[in-house]
Amino acid sequence: MEILHYPHEALTTVCEPVETPCELRSEVDEMLRLIKGIGVGLAANQVGITKRFCVFNYPPILVSYMINPEITWHSKKAGAMKE
């Protein structure tokens, strides 16, 4: 498993919902290992898996994942920042 870079097709593909979350255990574990020490979050499509889930690794506060996340609210303020 490796992190993909733009313009890889998986990064612009609409991902499918996850139907059986228990089948993701090995992918979630591998993605957490992949970003350990180099990042905070990683979406499944960033490693070529076109399913709707992502992982977070921000120890010691948070090590977790989200399955089928949906944006339900956003601020009316717009902001910009350097990446």
PDB file of N, CA and C in Angstrom:
ATOM      1  N   MET A   1       0.852  -1.177   0.000  1.00  0.00           N
ATOM      2  CA  MET A   1       0.000   0.000   0.000  1.00  0.00           C
ATOM      3  C   MET A   1       0.900   1.242   0.000  1.00  0.00           C
ATOM      4  N   GLU A   2       0.574   2.182  -0.900  1.00  0.00           N
ATOM      5  CA  GLU A   2       1.346   3.419  -0.965  1.00  0.00           C
ATOM      6  C   GLU A   2       0.417   4.604  -1.202  1.00  0.00           C
ATOM      7  N   ILE A   3       0.862   5.781  -0.806  1.00  0.00           N
ATOM      8  CA  ILE A   3       0.080   6.994  -0.988  1.00  0.00           C
ATOM      9  C   ILE A   3       0.175   7.431  -2.449  1.00  0.00           C
ATOM     10  N   LEU A   4      -0.988   7.680  -3.044  1.00  0.00           N
ATOM     11  CA  LEU A   4      -1.052   8.089  -4.451  1.00  0.00           C
ATOM     12  C   LEU A   4      -0.899   9.599  -4.578  1.00  0.00           C
ATOM     13  N   HIS A   5      -0.507  10.045  -5.750  1.00  0.00           N
ATOM     14  CA  HIS A   5      -0.327  11.474  -6.017  1.00  0.00           C
ATOM     15  C   HIS A   5      -1.172  11.882  -7.219  1.00  0.00           C
ATOM     16  N   TYR A   6      -1.593  13.140  -7.204  1.00  0.00           N
ATOM     17  CA  TYR A   6      -2.358  13.706  -8.303  1.00  0.00           C
ATOM     18  C   TYR A   6      -1.502  13.657  -9.559  1.00  0.00           C
ATOM     19  N   PRO A   7      -2.020  13.275 -10.664  1.00  0.00           N
ATOM     20  CA  PRO A   7      -3.407  13.156 -11.112  1.00  0.00           C
ATOM     21  C   PRO A   7      -3.959  11.732 -11.106  1.00  0.00           C
ATOM     22  N   HIS A   8      -3.588  10.885 -10.172  1.00  0.00           N
ATOM     23  CA  HIS A   8      -4.094   9.509 -10.154  1.00  0.00           C
ATOM     24  C   HIS A   8      -5.616   9.506 -10.156  1.00  0.00           C
ATOM     25  N   GLU A   9      -6.203   8.631 -10.956  1.00  0.00           N
ATOM     26  CA  GLU A   9      -7.654   8.566 -11.148  1.00  0.00           C
ATOM     27  C   GLU A   9      -8.426   8.335  -9.841  1.00  0.00           C
ATOM     28  N   ALA A  10      -7.882   7.554  -8.919  1.00  0.00           N
ATOM     29  CA  ALA A  10      -8.582   7.265  -7.656  1.00  0.00           C
ATOM     30  C   ALA A  10      -8.836   8.532  -6.836  1.00  0.00           C
ATOM     31  N   LEU A  11      -8.007   9.558  -7.038  1.00  0.00           N
ATOM     32  CA  LEU A  11      -8.147  10.789  -6.257  1.00  0.00           C
ATOM     33  C   LEU A  11      -9.304  11.657  -6.729  1.00  0.00           C
ATOM     34  N   THR A  12      -9.828  11.391  -7.901  1.00  0.00           N
ATOM     35  CA  THR A  12     -10.963  12.166  -8.415  1.00  0.00           C
ATOM     36  C   THR A  12     -12.213  11.300  -8.611  1.00  0.00           C
ATOM     37  N   THR A  13     -12.158  10.063  -8.167  1.00  0.00           N
ATOM     38  CA  THR A  13     -13.280   9.137  -8.295  1.00  0.00           C
ATOM     39  C   THR A  13     -14.243   9.313  -7.126  1.00  0.00           C
ATOM     40  N   VAL A  14     -15.548   9.309  -7.403  1.00  0.00           N
ATOM     41  CA  VAL A  14     -16.551   9.329  -6.335  1.00  0.00           C
ATOM     42  C   VAL A  14     -16.533   7.948  -5.693  1.00  0.00           C
ATOM     43  N   CYS A  15     -16.255   7.908  -4.401  1.00  0.00           N
ATOM     44  CA  CYS A  15     -16.102   6.629  -3.710  1.00  0.00           C
ATOM     45  C   CYS A  15     -17.443   6.021  -3.324  1.00  0.00           C
ATOM     46  N   GLU A  16     -17.471   4.703  -3.293  1.00  0.00           N
ATOM     47  CA  GLU A  16     -18.671   3.937  -2.939  1.00  0.00           C
ATOM     48  C   GLU A  16     -18.809   3.848  -1.420  1.00  0.00           C
ATOM     49  N   PRO A  17     -20.054   3.814  -0.918  1.00  0.00           N
ATOM     50  CA  PRO A  17     -20.248   3.632   0.526  1.00  0.00           C
ATOM     51  C   PRO A  17     -19.741   2.263   0.972  1.00  0.00           C
ATOM     52  N   VAL A  18     -19.354   2.181   2.221  1.00  0.00           N
ATOM     53  CA  VAL A  18     -18.917   0.916   2.809  1.00  0.00           C
ATOM     54  C   VAL A  18     -20.161   0.164   3.262  1.00  0.00           C
ATOM     55  N   GLU A  19     -20.316  -1.067   2.806  1.00  0.00           N
ATOM     56  CA  GLU A  19     -21.488  -1.876   3.167  1.00  0.00           C
ATOM     57  C   GLU A  19     -21.221  -2.741   4.397  1.00  0.00           C
ATOM     58  N   THR A  20     -20.004  -3.295   4.512  1.00  0.00           N
ATOM     59  CA  THR A  20     -19.659  -4.187   5.613  1.00  0.00           C
ATOM     60  C   THR A  20     -18.401  -3.693   6.309  1.00  0.00           C
ATOM     61  N   PRO A  21     -18.553  -2.820   7.330  1.00  0.00           N
ATOM     62  CA  PRO A  21     -17.384  -2.218   7.980  1.00  0.00           C
ATOM     63  C   PRO A  21     -16.385  -3.217   8.555  1.00  0.00           C
ATOM     64  N   CYS A  22     -16.854  -4.373   9.039  1.00  0.00           N
ATOM     65  CA  CYS A  22     -15.927  -5.328   9.657  1.00  0.00           C
ATOM     66  C   CYS A  22     -14.880  -5.843   8.672  1.00  0.00           C
ATOM     67  N   GLU A  23     -15.128  -5.737   7.384  1.00  0.00           N
ATOM     68  CA  GLU A  23     -14.168  -6.204   6.383  1.00  0.00           C
ATOM     69  C   GLU A  23     -13.011  -5.235   6.177  1.00  0.00           C
ATOM     70  N   LEU A  24     -13.066  -4.051   6.811  1.00  0.00           N
ATOM     71  CA  LEU A  24     -12.031  -3.036   6.615  1.00  0.00           C
ATOM     72  C   LEU A  24     -10.881  -3.109   7.601  1.00  0.00           C
ATOM     73  N   ARG A  25     -10.942  -4.009   8.553  1.00  0.00           N
ATOM     74  CA  ARG A  25      -9.947  -4.033   9.634  1.00  0.00           C
ATOM     75  C   ARG A  25      -8.507  -4.019   9.126  1.00  0.00           C
ATOM     76  N   SER A  26      -8.176  -4.870   8.187  1.00  0.00           N
ATOM     77  CA  SER A  26      -6.782  -4.927   7.720  1.00  0.00           C
ATOM     78  C   SER A  26      -6.399  -3.653   6.965  1.00  0.00           C
ATOM     79  N   GLU A  27      -7.320  -3.084   6.182  1.00  0.00           N
ATOM     80  CA  GLU A  27      -7.029  -1.840   5.459  1.00  0.00           C
ATOM     81  C   GLU A  27      -6.820  -0.678   6.426  1.00  0.00           C
ATOM     82  N   VAL A  28      -7.688  -0.583   7.447  1.00  0.00           N
ATOM     83  CA  VAL A  28      -7.548   0.478   8.448  1.00  0.00           C
ATOM     84  C   VAL A  28      -6.204   0.352   9.165  1.00  0.00           C
ATOM     85  N   ASP A  29      -5.857  -0.853   9.603  1.00  0.00           N
ATOM     86  CA  ASP A  29      -4.576  -1.068  10.292  1.00  0.00           C
ATOM     87  C   ASP A  29      -3.391  -0.690   9.409  1.00  0.00           C
ATOM     88  N   GLU A  30      -3.432  -1.100   8.145  1.00  0.00           N
ATOM     89  CA  GLU A  30      -2.333  -0.803   7.217  1.00  0.00           C
ATOM     90  C   GLU A  30      -2.231   0.705   6.957  1.00  0.00           C
ATOM     91  N   MET A  31      -3.376   1.372   6.804  1.00  0.00           N
ATOM     92  CA  MET A  31      -3.355   2.827   6.572  1.00  0.00           C
ATOM     93  C   MET A  31      -2.797   3.566   7.789  1.00  0.00           C
ATOM     94  N   LEU A  32      -3.145   3.120   9.004  1.00  0.00           N
ATOM     95  CA  LEU A  32      -2.598   3.747  10.213  1.00  0.00           C
ATOM     96  C   LEU A  32      -1.082   3.542  10.287  1.00  0.00           C
ATOM     97  N   ARG A  33      -0.611   2.359   9.916  1.00  0.00           N
ATOM     98  CA  ARG A  33       0.845   2.113   9.886  1.00  0.00           C
ATOM     99  C   ARG A  33       1.520   3.012   8.851  1.00  0.00           C
ATOM    100  N   LEU A  34       0.858   3.208   7.725  1.00  0.00           N
ATOM    101  CA  LEU A  34       1.423   3.991   6.632  1.00  0.00           C
ATOM    102  C   LEU A  34       1.641   5.454   7.026  1.00  0.00           C
ATOM    103  N   ILE A  35       0.707   6.051   7.770  1.00  0.00           N
ATOM    104  CA  ILE A  35       0.841   7.477   8.104  1.00  0.00           C
ATOM    105  C   ILE A  35       1.530   7.738   9.431  1.00  0.00           C
ATOM    106  N   LYS A  36       1.863   6.696  10.165  1.00  0.00           N
ATOM    107  CA  LYS A  36       2.500   6.878  11.468  1.00  0.00           C
ATOM    108  C   LYS A  36       3.775   7.712  11.328  1.00  0.00           C
ATOM    109  N   GLY A  37       3.793   8.828  11.995  1.00  0.00           N
ATOM    110  CA  GLY A  37       4.973   9.688  11.988  1.00  0.00           C
ATOM    111  C   GLY A  37       5.073  10.643  10.812  1.00  0.00           C
ATOM    112  N   ILE A  38       4.210  10.495   9.795  1.00  0.00           N
ATOM    113  CA  ILE A  38       4.312  11.400   8.638  1.00  0.00           C
ATOM    114  C   ILE A  38       3.042  12.177   8.354  1.00  0.00           C
ATOM    115  N   GLY A  39       1.937  11.816   9.019  1.00  0.00           N
ATOM    116  CA  GLY A  39       0.686  12.512   8.738  1.00  0.00           C
ATOM    117  C   GLY A  39      -0.326  12.332   9.834  1.00  0.00           C
ATOM    118  N   VAL A  40      -1.432  13.034   9.705  1.00  0.00           N
ATOM    119  CA  VAL A  40      -2.488  12.980  10.708  1.00  0.00           C
ATOM    120  C   VAL A  40      -3.697  12.199  10.188  1.00  0.00           C
ATOM    121  N   GLY A  41      -4.021  12.345   8.917  1.00  0.00           N
ATOM    122  CA  GLY A  41      -5.196  11.677   8.366  1.00  0.00           C
ATOM    123  C   GLY A  41      -4.945  11.176   6.963  1.00  0.00           C
ATOM    124  N   LEU A  42      -5.729  10.172   6.585  1.00  0.00           N
ATOM    125  CA  LEU A  42      -5.578   9.589   5.256  1.00  0.00           C
ATOM    126  C   LEU A  42      -6.929   9.026   4.819  1.00  0.00           C
ATOM    127  N   ALA A  43      -7.386   9.440   3.641  1.00  0.00           N
ATOM    128  CA  ALA A  43      -8.624   8.909   3.073  1.00  0.00           C
ATOM    129  C   ALA A  43      -8.310   7.661   2.260  1.00  0.00           C
ATOM    130  N   ALA A  44      -9.263   6.754   2.201  1.00  0.00           N
ATOM    131  CA  ALA A  44      -9.050   5.483   1.499  1.00  0.00           C
ATOM    132  C   ALA A  44      -8.657   5.684   0.042  1.00  0.00           C
ATOM    133  N   ASN A  45      -9.266   6.682  -0.632  1.00  0.00           N
ATOM    134  CA  ASN A  45      -8.921   6.864  -2.053  1.00  0.00           C
ATOM    135  C   ASN A  45      -7.483   7.339  -2.245  1.00  0.00           C
ATOM    136  N   GLN A  46      -6.857   7.868  -1.193  1.00  0.00           N
ATOM    137  CA  GLN A  46      -5.457   8.287  -1.295  1.00  0.00           C
ATOM    138  C   GLN A  46      -4.505   7.099  -1.386  1.00  0.00           C
ATOM    139  N   VAL A  47      -5.010   5.894  -1.102  1.00  0.00           N
ATOM    140  CA  VAL A  47      -4.207   4.685  -1.270  1.00  0.00           C
ATOM    141  C   VAL A  47      -4.843   3.742  -2.283  1.00  0.00           C
ATOM    142  N   GLY A  48      -5.766   4.286  -3.095  1.00  0.00           N
ATOM    143  CA  GLY A  48      -6.348   3.517  -4.182  1.00  0.00           C
ATOM    144  C   GLY A  48      -7.572   2.690  -3.837  1.00  0.00           C
ATOM    145  N   ILE A  49      -8.097   2.842  -2.627  1.00  0.00           N
ATOM    146  CA  ILE A  49      -9.312   2.124  -2.237  1.00  0.00           C
ATOM    147  C   ILE A  49     -10.482   3.082  -2.427  1.00  0.00           C
ATOM    148  N   THR A  50     -11.359   2.797  -3.354  1.00  0.00           N
ATOM    149  CA  THR A  50     -12.442   3.730  -3.669  1.00  0.00           C
ATOM    150  C   THR A  50     -13.687   3.440  -2.836  1.00  0.00           C
ATOM    151  N   LYS A  51     -13.497   3.408  -1.537  1.00  0.00           N
ATOM    152  CA  LYS A  51     -14.572   3.249  -0.547  1.00  0.00           C
ATOM    153  C   LYS A  51     -14.547   4.472   0.363  1.00  0.00           C
ATOM    154  N   ARG A  52     -15.690   4.801   0.979  1.00  0.00           N
ATOM    155  CA  ARG A  52     -15.814   5.992   1.822  1.00  0.00           C
ATOM    156  C   ARG A  52     -15.407   5.715   3.268  1.00  0.00           C
ATOM    157  N   PHE A  53     -14.107   5.808   3.526  1.00  0.00           N
ATOM    158  CA  PHE A  53     -13.632   5.764   4.906  1.00  0.00           C
ATOM    159  C   PHE A  53     -12.273   6.449   4.985  1.00  0.00           C
ATOM    160  N   CYS A  54     -11.907   6.838   6.193  1.00  0.00           N
ATOM    161  CA  CYS A  54     -10.627   7.505   6.402  1.00  0.00           C
ATOM    162  C   CYS A  54     -10.127   7.172   7.799  1.00  0.00           C
ATOM    163  N   VAL A  55      -8.833   7.392   8.020  1.00  0.00           N
ATOM    164  CA  VAL A  55      -8.211   7.138   9.324  1.00  0.00           C
ATOM    165  C   VAL A  55      -7.549   8.416   9.828  1.00  0.00           C
ATOM    166  N   PHE A  56      -7.430   8.490  11.160  1.00  0.00           N
ATOM    167  CA  PHE A  56      -6.761   9.606  11.822  1.00  0.00           C
ATOM    168  C   PHE A  56      -5.760   9.053  12.814  1.00  0.00           C
ATOM    169  N   ASN A  57      -4.602   9.684  12.883  1.00  0.00           N
ATOM    170  CA  ASN A  57      -3.583   9.264  13.833  1.00  0.00           C
ATOM    171  C   ASN A  57      -2.964  10.514  14.438  1.00  0.00           C
ATOM    172  N   TYR A  58      -3.467  10.909  15.592  1.00  0.00           N
ATOM    173  CA  TYR A  58      -2.959  12.092  16.290  1.00  0.00           C
ATOM    174  C   TYR A  58      -2.727  11.736  17.757  1.00  0.00           C
ATOM    175  N   PRO A  59      -1.745  10.846  18.021  1.00  0.00           N
ATOM    176  CA  PRO A  59      -1.512  10.400  19.386  1.00  0.00           C
ATOM    177  C   PRO A  59      -0.977  11.540  20.255  1.00  0.00           C
ATOM    178  N   PRO A  60      -1.213  11.529  21.526  1.00  0.00           N
ATOM    179  CA  PRO A  60      -1.981  10.512  22.265  1.00  0.00           C
ATOM    180  C   PRO A  60      -3.473  10.826  22.314  1.00  0.00           C
ATOM    181  N   ILE A  61      -3.927  11.823  21.607  1.00  0.00           N
ATOM    182  CA  ILE A  61      -5.316  12.256  21.702  1.00  0.00           C
ATOM    183  C   ILE A  61      -6.261  11.370  20.906  1.00  0.00           C
ATOM    184  N   LEU A  62      -5.905  11.046  19.674  1.00  0.00           N
ATOM    185  CA  LEU A  62      -6.870  10.382  18.795  1.00  0.00           C
ATOM    186  C   LEU A  62      -6.187   9.443  17.811  1.00  0.00           C
ATOM    187  N   VAL A  63      -6.630   8.219  17.810  1.00  0.00           N
ATOM    188  CA  VAL A  63      -6.291   7.259  16.761  1.00  0.00           C
ATOM    189  C   VAL A  63      -7.623   6.588  16.436  1.00  0.00           C
ATOM    190  N   SER A  64      -8.161   6.870  15.251  1.00  0.00           N
ATOM    191  CA  SER A  64      -9.509   6.423  14.951  1.00  0.00           C
ATOM    192  C   SER A  64      -9.731   6.339  13.448  1.00  0.00           C
ATOM    193  N   TYR A  65     -10.966   6.037  13.077  1.00  0.00           N
ATOM    194  CA  TYR A  65     -11.357   5.991  11.675  1.00  0.00           C
ATOM    195  C   TYR A  65     -12.823   6.400  11.559  1.00  0.00           C
ATOM    196  N   MET A  66     -13.228   6.812  10.366  1.00  0.00           N
ATOM    197  CA  MET A  66     -14.617   7.137  10.081  1.00  0.00           C
ATOM    198  C   MET A  66     -15.046   6.334   8.859  1.00  0.00           C
ATOM    199  N   ILE A  67     -16.264   5.809   8.929  1.00  0.00           N
ATOM    200  CA  ILE A  67     -16.818   5.045   7.825  1.00  0.00           C
ATOM    201  C   ILE A  67     -18.042   5.782   7.293  1.00  0.00           C
ATOM    202  N   ASN A  68     -18.099   5.961   5.989  1.00  0.00           N
ATOM    203  CA  ASN A  68     -19.187   6.677   5.322  1.00  0.00           C
ATOM    204  C   ASN A  68     -19.447   8.057   5.926  1.00  0.00           C
ATOM    205  N   PRO A  69     -18.397   8.874   6.096  1.00  0.00           N
ATOM    206  CA  PRO A  69     -18.609  10.207   6.676  1.00  0.00           C
ATOM    207  C   PRO A  69     -19.425  11.098   5.737  1.00  0.00           C
ATOM    208  N   GLU A  70     -20.187  12.013   6.329  1.00  0.00           N
ATOM    209  CA  GLU A  70     -20.972  12.982   5.561  1.00  0.00           C
ATOM    210  C   GLU A  70     -20.772  14.358   6.169  1.00  0.00           C
ATOM    211  N   ILE A  71     -20.620  15.369   5.336  1.00  0.00           N
ATOM    212  CA  ILE A  71     -20.538  16.748   5.810  1.00  0.00           C
ATOM    213  C   ILE A  71     -21.970  17.222   6.010  1.00  0.00           C
ATOM    214  N   THR A  72     -22.326  17.567   7.241  1.00  0.00           N
ATOM    215  CA  THR A  72     -23.694  17.975   7.545  1.00  0.00           C
ATOM    216  C   THR A  72     -23.801  19.461   7.879  1.00  0.00           C
ATOM    217  N   TRP A  73     -22.680  20.133   8.047  1.00  0.00           N
ATOM    218  CA  TRP A  73     -22.680  21.552   8.378  1.00  0.00           C
ATOM    219  C   TRP A  73     -21.359  22.149   7.938  1.00  0.00           C
ATOM    220  N   HIS A  74     -21.377  23.416   7.564  1.00  0.00           N
ATOM    221  CA  HIS A  74     -20.126  24.124   7.292  1.00  0.00           C
ATOM    222  C   HIS A  74     -20.320  25.586   7.645  1.00  0.00           C
ATOM    223  N   SER A  75     -19.255  26.213   7.978  1.00  0.00           N
ATOM    224  CA  SER A  75     -19.274  27.620   8.361  1.00  0.00           C
ATOM    225  C   SER A  75     -19.550  28.497   7.139  1.00  0.00           C
ATOM    226  N   LYS A  76     -20.166  29.631   7.359  1.00  0.00           N
ATOM    227  CA  LYS A  76     -20.392  30.583   6.277  1.00  0.00           C
ATOM    228  C   LYS A  76     -19.102  31.349   5.970  1.00  0.00           C
ATOM    229  N   LYS A  77     -18.158  31.340   6.921  1.00  0.00           N
ATOM    230  CA  LYS A  77     -16.865  32.031   6.733  1.00  0.00           C
ATOM    231  C   LYS A  77     -15.990  31.251   5.776  1.00  0.00           C
ATOM    232  N   ALA A  78     -15.278  31.975   4.966  1.00  0.00           N
ATOM    233  CA  ALA A  78     -14.293  31.353   4.085  1.00  0.00           C
ATOM    234  C   ALA A  78     -12.910  31.691   4.647  1.00  0.00           C
ATOM    235  N   GLY A  79     -12.005  30.783   4.500  1.00  0.00           N
ATOM    236  CA  GLY A  79     -10.652  31.023   5.002  1.00  0.00           C
ATOM    237  C   GLY A  79      -9.624  30.419   4.078  1.00  0.00           C
ATOM    238  N   ALA A  80      -8.432  30.896   4.210  1.00  0.00           N
ATOM    239  CA  ALA A  80      -7.325  30.359   3.429  1.00  0.00           C
ATOM    240  C   ALA A  80      -6.133  30.184   4.341  1.00  0.00           C
ATOM    241  N   MET A  81      -5.342  29.188   4.030  1.00  0.00           N
ATOM    242  CA  MET A  81      -4.132  28.961   4.802  1.00  0.00           C
ATOM    243  C   MET A  81      -3.102  28.271   3.930  1.00  0.00           C
ATOM    244  N   LYS A  82      -1.864  28.406   4.320  1.00  0.00           N
ATOM    245  CA  LYS A  82      -0.788  27.759   3.599  1.00  0.00           C
ATOM    246  C   LYS A  82      -0.738  26.297   3.964  1.00  0.00           C
ATOM    247  N   GLU A  83      -0.472  25.468   2.991  1.00  0.00           N
ATOM    248  CA  GLU A  83      -0.369  24.033   3.271  1.00  0.00           C
ATOM    249  C   GLU A  83       1.060  23.643   3.414  1.00  0.00           C
TER     250      GLU A  83
END
